[in-house]
Amino acid sequence: MGSPLSKYFVAAGAKRLSQVEVRKEISNQHEFNGVLGFKEIFGSGRISFPAKFLYLADEEDDQVFDQGSLTWYDARENHPTRSEFRLYYSANTVTGLAKEADLVLIAKSTEGFLLVVVCPSGSTHESQLLWLFGLEESERKFVIREYSDEKSELGYAGKMVISYLGLEIEEEEPDFLDDMIREFGLTFPSTAVFSRYARRTLPEKVSAADAPDEALMAWLEWEEALFRTLERKIVGRKLSEGFGKDGLDVDDFVKFSLSVQNRRKSRAGYAFENHLAEVFDRNAIQYTRGAKTERNNKPDFLFPGIEQYFATEFPTELLTMLGLKTTAKDRWRQVIPEADRIPVKHLVTLEPAISSNQTEEMKIQKVQLVLPKPIMLTYTKAQQAGILTLSDFIGELRDKENKRGEYPSI
């Protein structure tokens, strides 16, 4: 099942918020300015839309969701020659958090509601939204783009940003459902087992030795599709059975719902690590996975291994540490204390379009970003100059492996 942006959105526009739109001591108008571009989307008549409001900060705990409405109308509808279109919003917790110069994006969904997203200026979420919707920054007026002709697939990165917006990705591979049930029953296998199954059943075979970036992403996307197929069957069965003794136990439902969300998050991280390890194996790269260094820290990968790391005679410049974060944002700093002997920490992530502010800070903190090539394409040209692809990273590891011949074997 295809997932182009047009499956989710009809059109969208973005701009920077002004003082008069957000500061109550200046104005209490509850209106967005510079909205004339929406006329092609909303028409000329008065209309009200149900709306979902979302505040996205890079710190996960600071994300806020609320519901309300937006009303489109012509303030001079009775005037014979003049029009003055306005977009009125109901006050809510999200607009209460908005600040001057924050980015606001308004998107009309294919389901008929409007999505209003506010992001702090310079944040990663801001970069991701502008990339996903293909929009340019605008200070005063909404720059509108329609998506009816948009047929290209979102890809892994696009689906990740869509999920941040609270939308469910409908992605299944029903032709493999019977095979998975024969193999696993109506239960979830371990992530290692499921990752191996995904690599084995991928219809189009890829070479991790010749194209490590493409192989990693192909395995990840295929496993995600297979997982959602099996999950839909298992969750559907539970929903049909009901919750608790009477089938209506709210606490049991909430507990089950949380377990579904937690499984999705943890499985994605383990799948990333499993497939990355397979890439290293197929490239004959020596490593230790998940070993303890100082203060019980556990870097995801140490190259060439933990034995060399603790051997004081082994040259520091030939050691490499790789941390892994499916999503980075404010969590990338967690890799900094994980291996004291190694001054520059490498971090691989699937996070698309991290902000320039964050990538610059990574450089200052001596964190070298590594991205699969398809994810790197969501970054600006200036950012890409300082980022390694997975293929680049493997090349660096091989260079260090070649230099080990100059030292006694450890």
Protein backbone atom coordinates (compact mmCIF):
# COMPACT_ATOMS: atom_id res chain seq x y z
CA MET A 1 0.00 0.00 0.00
CA GLY A 2 1.54 3.29 -1.13
CA SER A 3 2.07 6.20 1.22
CA PRO A 4 2.55 9.49 -0.64
CA LEU A 5 2.00 12.77 1.21
CA SER A 6 -1.25 13.24 -0.75
CA LYS A 7 -2.69 10.29 1.16
CA TYR A 8 -2.67 12.38 4.32
CA PHE A 9 -2.84 16.05 3.29
CA VAL A 10 -4.59 18.21 0.70
CA ALA A 11 -2.48 21.33 1.21
CA ALA A 12 -0.36 23.11 3.79
CA GLY A 13 1.18 26.48 4.53
CA ALA A 14 3.74 27.77 7.00
CA LYS A 15 5.07 31.07 8.31
CA ARG A 16 6.58 32.73 11.37
CA LEU A 17 4.30 33.95 14.14
CA SER A 18 4.24 37.68 14.81
CA GLN A 19 3.81 39.53 18.10
CA VAL A 20 0.20 40.40 17.42
CA GLU A 21 -0.68 36.73 16.86
CA VAL A 22 0.73 35.39 20.12
CA ARG A 23 1.21 38.15 22.72
CA LYS A 24 -2.01 38.68 24.63
CA GLU A 25 -0.85 41.99 26.10
CA ILE A 26 -0.65 43.36 22.55
CA SER A 27 -3.69 41.69 21.02
CA ASN A 28 -6.34 39.17 21.90
CA GLN A 29 -7.55 38.68 18.34
CA HIS A 30 -7.02 34.89 18.09
CA GLU A 31 -6.40 35.20 14.37
CA PHE A 32 -3.61 34.14 12.06
CA ASN A 33 -2.43 36.87 9.69
CA GLY A 34 -1.21 36.60 6.10
CA VAL A 35 -3.79 33.95 5.25
CA LEU A 36 -4.96 35.06 1.77
CA GLY A 37 -3.16 32.13 0.13
CA PHE A 38 -5.61 29.74 1.76
CA LYS A 39 -8.45 31.12 -0.38
CA GLU A 40 -7.63 28.60 -3.10
CA ILE A 41 -7.99 25.82 -0.52
CA PHE A 42 -10.87 27.03 1.66
CA GLY A 43 -12.90 28.97 -0.91
CA SER A 44 -14.75 32.29 -0.41
CA GLY A 45 -17.54 31.30 1.96
CA ARG A 46 -17.50 31.14 5.74
CA ILE A 47 -16.54 27.69 7.00
CA SER A 48 -15.44 26.17 10.28
CA PHE A 49 -13.08 23.24 10.57
CA PRO A 50 -12.41 20.89 13.47
CA ALA A 51 -8.75 21.32 14.31
CA LYS A 52 -5.97 19.43 16.01
CA PHE A 53 -3.31 21.61 17.61
CA LEU A 54 0.19 20.28 18.25
CA TYR A 55 3.19 21.90 19.92
CA LEU A 56 6.39 20.09 18.98
CA ALA A 57 9.54 20.87 20.93
CA ASP A 58 12.72 18.84 20.56
CA GLU A 59 12.38 17.74 24.18
CA GLU A 60 9.85 14.90 24.12
CA ASP A 61 8.27 15.86 27.45
CA ASP A 62 7.43 19.32 26.10
CA GLN A 63 5.10 18.13 23.34
CA VAL A 64 1.49 19.21 23.79
CA PHE A 65 -1.71 18.20 22.00
CA ASP A 66 -5.09 19.94 22.07
CA GLN A 67 -8.25 20.17 20.02
CA GLY A 68 -10.32 23.12 18.87
CA SER A 69 -11.55 24.77 15.71
CA LEU A 70 -10.56 27.21 12.97
CA THR A 71 -13.01 29.49 11.19
CA TRP A 72 -12.37 30.90 7.71
CA TYR A 73 -14.40 33.97 6.80
CA ASP A 74 -14.44 37.26 4.92
CA ALA A 75 -14.61 40.13 7.39
CA ARG A 76 -15.97 42.33 4.58
CA GLU A 77 -18.34 39.83 3.02
CA ASN A 78 -21.06 42.50 2.75
CA HIS A 79 -18.78 44.99 1.02
CA PRO A 80 -19.46 45.20 -2.74
CA THR A 81 -15.83 45.43 -3.86
CA ARG A 82 -13.49 44.55 -0.98
CA SER A 83 -12.56 41.31 0.76
CA GLU A 84 -10.59 40.73 3.94
CA PHE A 85 -10.20 37.04 4.68
CA ARG A 86 -9.34 35.94 8.20
CA LEU A 87 -8.60 32.68 9.97
CA TYR A 88 -9.85 32.65 13.54
CA TYR A 89 -8.62 30.02 16.00
CA SER A 90 -10.10 28.94 19.30
CA ALA A 91 -7.78 29.54 22.25
CA ASN A 92 -6.07 26.39 23.53
CA THR A 93 -2.97 25.19 25.36
CA VAL A 94 -0.87 24.98 22.17
CA THR A 95 -1.49 28.56 21.05
CA GLY A 96 -0.87 29.58 24.66
CA LEU A 97 2.67 28.18 24.38
CA ALA A 98 3.42 29.81 21.02
CA LYS A 99 6.03 32.57 20.90
CA GLU A 100 6.98 35.22 18.41
CA ALA A 101 9.11 33.83 15.53
CA ASP A 102 7.96 30.25 16.16
CA LEU A 103 7.02 28.37 13.02
CA VAL A 104 3.31 27.65 12.56
CA LEU A 105 2.16 25.15 9.97
CA ILE A 106 -1.49 24.74 9.01
CA ALA A 107 -2.37 21.67 6.95
CA LYS A 108 -5.72 20.49 5.62
CA SER A 109 -5.97 16.74 6.03
CA THR A 110 -7.66 14.39 3.61
CA GLU A 111 -10.05 13.55 6.47
CA GLY A 112 -11.33 17.15 6.57
CA PHE A 113 -9.76 18.47 9.77
CA LEU A 114 -7.02 21.11 9.99
CA LEU A 115 -3.75 20.33 11.68
CA VAL A 116 -2.03 23.29 13.34
CA VAL A 117 1.56 22.64 14.41
CA VAL A 118 3.74 25.10 16.32
CA CYS A 119 7.52 24.55 16.55
CA PRO A 120 10.16 26.64 18.30
CA SER A 121 12.36 28.61 15.94
CA GLY A 122 15.54 26.72 15.04
CA SER A 123 14.23 23.36 16.29
CA THR A 124 14.64 20.01 14.57
CA HIS A 125 10.86 19.63 14.28
CA GLU A 126 10.79 22.92 12.37
CA SER A 127 13.42 21.61 9.91
CA GLN A 128 11.54 18.34 9.52
CA LEU A 129 8.19 19.97 8.77
CA LEU A 130 9.64 22.33 6.18
CA TRP A 131 11.38 19.38 4.52
CA LEU A 132 8.36 17.04 4.60
CA PHE A 133 5.90 19.58 3.22
CA GLY A 134 8.41 21.11 0.79
CA LEU A 135 7.84 24.62 2.13
CA GLU A 136 10.04 27.70 2.29
CA GLU A 137 10.30 29.88 5.37
CA SER A 138 8.07 32.96 5.31
CA GLU A 139 8.01 35.74 7.86
CA ARG A 140 4.55 37.24 7.34
CA LYS A 141 2.42 35.32 4.86
CA PHE A 142 1.54 31.67 4.63
CA VAL A 143 3.21 30.08 1.64
CA ILE A 144 0.73 27.46 0.42
CA ARG A 145 1.44 24.21 -1.38
CA GLU A 146 -1.06 21.64 -2.65
CA TYR A 147 -0.34 17.90 -2.75
CA SER A 148 -2.98 16.42 -5.06
CA ASP A 149 -0.30 15.63 -7.66
CA GLU A 150 2.21 14.35 -5.10
CA LYS A 151 2.70 10.64 -5.82
CA SER A 152 6.23 9.93 -4.59
CA GLU A 153 6.55 7.65 -1.58
CA LEU A 154 7.27 9.18 1.80
CA GLY A 155 10.04 6.71 2.56
CA TYR A 156 11.31 5.87 6.03
CA ALA A 157 12.13 9.48 6.89
CA GLY A 158 8.78 10.86 5.76
CA LYS A 159 6.86 8.22 7.67
CA MET A 160 8.83 9.06 10.80
CA VAL A 161 7.84 12.74 10.59
CA ILE A 162 4.23 11.78 9.84
CA SER A 163 4.21 9.73 13.04
CA TYR A 164 5.40 12.78 15.01
CA LEU A 165 2.19 14.47 13.85
CA GLY A 166 0.11 11.79 15.54
CA LEU A 167 -1.02 10.16 12.29
CA GLU A 168 -1.15 6.40 11.87
CA ILE A 169 0.83 4.94 8.99
CA GLU A 170 -1.30 2.34 7.23
CA GLU A 171 1.26 -0.07 5.89
CA GLU A 172 0.79 -3.79 5.45
CA GLU A 173 2.11 -6.76 3.49
CA PRO A 174 -0.89 -9.09 3.70
CA ASP A 175 0.67 -11.65 1.34
CA PHE A 176 3.08 -12.56 4.13
CA LEU A 177 0.54 -12.77 6.96
CA ASP A 178 -0.17 -16.50 6.60
CA ASP A 179 3.53 -17.25 6.40
CA MET A 180 4.24 -15.24 9.58
CA ILE A 181 1.41 -16.97 11.44
CA ARG A 182 2.79 -20.38 10.42
CA GLU A 183 6.24 -19.30 11.60
CA PHE A 184 5.38 -17.41 14.80
CA GLY A 185 1.71 -18.03 15.56
CA LEU A 186 -0.30 -15.08 16.84
CA THR A 187 2.58 -13.89 19.03
CA PHE A 188 5.48 -11.52 18.52
CA PRO A 189 8.84 -13.26 18.15
CA SER A 190 12.00 -11.76 19.58
CA THR A 191 13.36 -8.78 17.66
CA ALA A 192 16.48 -10.74 16.62
CA VAL A 193 14.33 -13.53 15.16
CA PHE A 194 12.00 -11.10 13.41
CA SER A 195 14.90 -9.11 11.95
CA ARG A 196 16.38 -12.31 10.48
CA TYR A 197 12.97 -13.19 9.05
CA ALA A 198 12.72 -9.73 7.43
CA ARG A 199 16.14 -10.06 5.80
CA ARG A 200 15.34 -13.55 4.55
CA THR A 201 11.97 -12.63 3.02
CA LEU A 202 12.83 -9.26 1.48
CA PRO A 203 11.57 -9.64 -2.13
CA GLU A 204 14.37 -7.61 -3.71
CA LYS A 205 17.73 -8.80 -2.47
CA VAL A 206 20.32 -6.15 -1.61
CA SER A 207 24.05 -6.43 -0.99
CA ALA A 208 25.21 -5.02 2.33
CA ALA A 209 28.80 -5.34 1.10
CA ASP A 210 28.26 -3.35 -2.09
CA ALA A 211 25.58 -0.92 -0.84
CA PRO A 212 25.46 -0.86 2.96
CA ASP A 213 23.31 2.28 3.22
CA GLU A 214 20.66 0.99 0.84
CA ALA A 215 20.66 -2.49 2.38
CA LEU A 216 20.14 -1.17 5.90
CA MET A 217 17.19 1.00 4.87
CA ALA A 218 15.63 -1.77 2.76
CA TRP A 219 15.76 -4.21 5.69
CA LEU A 220 14.36 -1.64 8.11
CA GLU A 221 11.46 -0.63 5.87
CA TRP A 222 10.57 -4.24 5.06
CA GLU A 223 10.64 -5.27 8.72
CA GLU A 224 8.41 -2.31 9.59
CA ALA A 225 5.84 -3.35 6.98
CA LEU A 226 5.89 -6.97 8.15
CA PHE A 227 5.62 -5.97 11.80
CA ARG A 228 2.60 -3.71 11.15
CA THR A 229 0.94 -6.59 9.27
CA LEU A 230 1.39 -9.02 12.15
CA GLU A 231 0.56 -6.36 14.73
CA ARG A 232 -2.73 -5.52 13.05
CA LYS A 233 -3.78 -9.18 13.22
CA ILE A 234 -2.73 -9.66 16.85
CA VAL A 235 -4.17 -6.35 18.06
CA GLY A 236 -7.36 -6.93 16.09
CA ARG A 237 -7.89 -10.25 17.83
CA LYS A 238 -7.44 -8.61 21.23
CA LEU A 239 -9.91 -5.84 20.36
CA SER A 240 -12.51 -8.40 19.33
CA GLU A 241 -12.06 -10.24 22.64
CA GLY A 242 -12.50 -7.08 24.70
CA PHE A 243 -10.77 -6.08 27.92
CA GLY A 244 -11.23 -7.55 31.38
CA LYS A 245 -13.93 -9.94 32.49
CA ASP A 246 -16.77 -7.95 30.96
CA GLY A 247 -14.82 -6.84 27.91
CA LEU A 248 -15.13 -3.18 28.92
CA ASP A 249 -12.36 -2.76 31.50
CA VAL A 250 -10.87 0.69 30.83
CA ASP A 251 -7.72 0.08 32.89
CA ASP A 252 -7.03 -3.12 30.98
CA PHE A 253 -7.53 -1.26 27.70
CA VAL A 254 -5.12 1.52 28.71
CA LYS A 255 -2.53 -1.03 29.81
CA PHE A 256 -2.83 -2.86 26.48
CA SER A 257 -2.63 0.39 24.50
CA LEU A 258 0.56 1.42 26.29
CA SER A 259 2.07 -2.00 25.65
CA VAL A 260 1.42 -1.58 21.92
CA GLN A 261 3.11 1.84 21.86
CA ASN A 262 6.07 0.69 23.95
CA ARG A 263 6.57 -2.37 21.76
CA ARG A 264 6.66 -0.22 18.64
CA LYS A 265 9.32 2.07 20.10
CA SER A 266 11.57 -0.60 21.57
CA ARG A 267 11.27 -2.89 18.55
CA ALA A 268 12.31 -0.10 16.17
CA GLY A 269 15.51 0.49 18.14
CA TYR A 270 16.39 -3.20 18.36
CA ALA A 271 15.65 -3.70 14.66
CA PHE A 272 18.01 -0.82 13.81
CA GLU A 273 20.76 -2.35 15.94
CA ASN A 274 20.18 -5.89 14.59
CA HIS A 275 20.36 -4.86 10.95
CA LEU A 276 23.34 -2.57 11.54
CA ALA A 277 25.24 -5.46 13.14
CA GLU A 278 24.41 -7.59 10.09
CA VAL A 279 25.84 -4.88 7.81
CA PHE A 280 29.09 -4.93 9.79
CA ASP A 281 29.18 -8.74 9.70
CA ARG A 282 28.71 -8.86 5.93
CA ASN A 283 31.52 -6.32 5.56
CA ALA A 284 33.82 -8.40 7.82
CA ILE A 285 34.12 -5.57 10.36
CA GLN A 286 35.36 -6.60 13.81
CA TYR A 287 33.39 -5.17 16.75
CA THR A 288 32.02 -5.75 20.24
CA ARG A 289 28.37 -5.02 20.82
CA GLY A 290 26.98 -3.63 24.09
CA ALA A 291 30.08 -4.14 26.28
CA LYS A 292 30.62 -2.06 29.43
CA THR A 293 33.24 0.69 29.53
CA GLU A 294 33.74 3.20 32.35
CA ARG A 295 31.01 3.72 34.98
CA ASN A 296 28.97 0.85 33.52
CA ASN A 297 28.36 2.76 30.28
CA LYS A 298 27.47 0.50 27.36
CA PRO A 299 28.24 1.95 23.92
CA ASP A 300 26.31 0.13 21.23
CA PHE A 301 29.39 -0.76 19.18
CA LEU A 302 33.13 -0.66 19.92
CA PHE A 303 35.66 -1.19 17.11
CA PRO A 304 37.69 -3.31 16.91
CA GLY A 305 36.47 -4.51 20.31
CA ILE A 306 36.31 -4.25 24.09
CA GLU A 307 39.60 -6.14 24.55
CA GLN A 308 41.49 -3.54 22.53
CA TYR A 309 39.66 -0.73 24.31
CA PHE A 310 40.98 -1.79 27.72
CA ALA A 311 44.46 -2.63 26.42
CA THR A 312 46.43 0.52 27.31
CA GLU A 313 49.10 -0.30 24.70
CA PHE A 314 46.53 -0.32 21.89
CA PRO A 315 46.62 3.04 20.05
CA THR A 316 43.69 5.29 20.91
CA GLU A 317 43.53 6.62 17.36
CA LEU A 318 42.60 3.13 16.12
CA LEU A 319 39.59 2.82 18.45
CA THR A 320 36.10 3.81 17.35
CA MET A 321 32.85 4.06 19.27
CA LEU A 322 29.43 4.11 17.61
CA GLY A 323 26.29 5.07 19.49
CA LEU A 324 22.90 4.31 18.01
CA LYS A 325 19.73 6.40 18.34
CA THR A 326 16.72 5.71 16.16
CA THR A 327 15.60 9.25 17.00
CA ALA A 328 18.12 11.82 18.15
CA LYS A 329 16.80 15.33 18.95
CA ASP A 330 17.88 16.10 22.53
CA ARG A 331 19.02 12.49 23.20
CA TRP A 332 22.20 12.58 21.13
CA ARG A 333 24.21 13.91 24.10
CA GLN A 334 23.83 10.55 25.84
CA VAL A 335 26.70 9.13 23.76
CA ILE A 336 29.27 11.67 25.00
CA PRO A 337 30.30 9.89 28.26
CA GLU A 338 30.14 6.33 26.91
CA ALA A 339 33.85 5.72 26.11
CA ASP A 340 36.41 7.94 27.85
CA ARG A 341 39.38 6.74 25.77
CA ILE A 342 37.80 7.85 22.51
CA PRO A 343 37.68 11.63 22.08
CA VAL A 344 35.38 11.73 19.04
CA LYS A 345 32.13 9.82 19.42
CA HIS A 346 30.31 8.55 16.33
CA LEU A 347 26.51 8.56 16.38
CA VAL A 348 24.30 6.82 13.82
CA THR A 349 20.63 7.77 13.67
CA LEU A 350 17.56 7.55 11.46
CA GLU A 351 16.39 11.03 12.48
CA PRO A 352 15.69 13.10 9.35
CA ALA A 353 16.48 16.80 8.96
CA ILE A 354 18.07 17.53 12.33
CA SER A 355 18.35 21.29 12.70
CA SER A 356 21.55 23.15 11.82
CA ASN A 357 21.72 24.35 15.43
CA GLN A 358 21.89 20.75 16.65
CA THR A 359 24.42 19.53 14.08
CA GLU A 360 26.68 22.49 14.86
CA GLU A 361 26.50 21.69 18.57
CA MET A 362 27.36 18.07 17.79
CA LYS A 363 30.57 19.25 16.13
CA ILE A 364 31.43 21.37 19.17
CA GLN A 365 30.85 18.38 21.45
CA LYS A 366 32.98 16.15 19.17
CA VAL A 367 30.09 13.97 18.07
CA GLN A 368 30.45 12.79 14.47
CA LEU A 369 27.07 12.14 12.87
CA VAL A 370 26.62 9.04 10.69
CA LEU A 371 23.52 8.69 8.50
CA PRO A 372 22.26 6.13 5.99
CA LYS A 373 22.47 7.83 2.60
CA PRO A 374 18.66 8.07 2.07
CA ILE A 375 18.31 9.86 5.43
CA MET A 376 21.19 12.24 4.66
CA LEU A 377 19.25 13.59 1.69
CA THR A 378 16.83 15.27 4.12
CA TYR A 379 19.66 17.53 5.39
CA THR A 380 20.89 20.75 3.83
CA LYS A 381 23.91 20.72 1.52
CA ALA A 382 25.93 22.62 4.11
CA GLN A 383 25.12 20.02 6.78
CA GLN A 384 25.89 17.07 4.52
CA ALA A 385 29.48 18.27 4.12
CA GLY A 386 30.16 17.38 7.76
CA ILE A 387 28.25 14.07 7.94
CA LEU A 388 29.38 10.53 7.14
CA THR A 389 27.25 8.03 5.27
CA LEU A 390 27.29 4.46 6.56
CA SER A 391 29.52 3.56 3.61
CA ASP A 392 31.93 6.38 4.59
CA PHE A 393 32.00 5.11 8.18
CA ILE A 394 32.80 1.55 7.10
CA GLY A 395 35.58 2.96 4.92
CA GLU A 396 37.10 4.70 7.98
CA LEU A 397 36.91 1.46 9.97
CA ARG A 398 38.73 -0.39 7.19
CA ASP A 399 41.45 2.26 7.10
CA LYS A 400 42.01 1.80 10.84
CA GLU A 401 41.96 -1.98 10.41
CA ASN A 402 44.74 -1.70 7.81
CA LYS A 403 46.84 0.45 10.15
CA ARG A 404 46.63 -2.18 12.90
CA GLY A 405 49.29 -4.14 11.04
CA GLU A 406 51.83 -1.56 12.18
CA TYR A 407 51.28 -2.55 15.84
CA PRO A 408 51.59 -5.77 17.82
CA SER A 409 48.45 -7.90 17.58
CA ILE A 410 46.08 -7.58 20.56
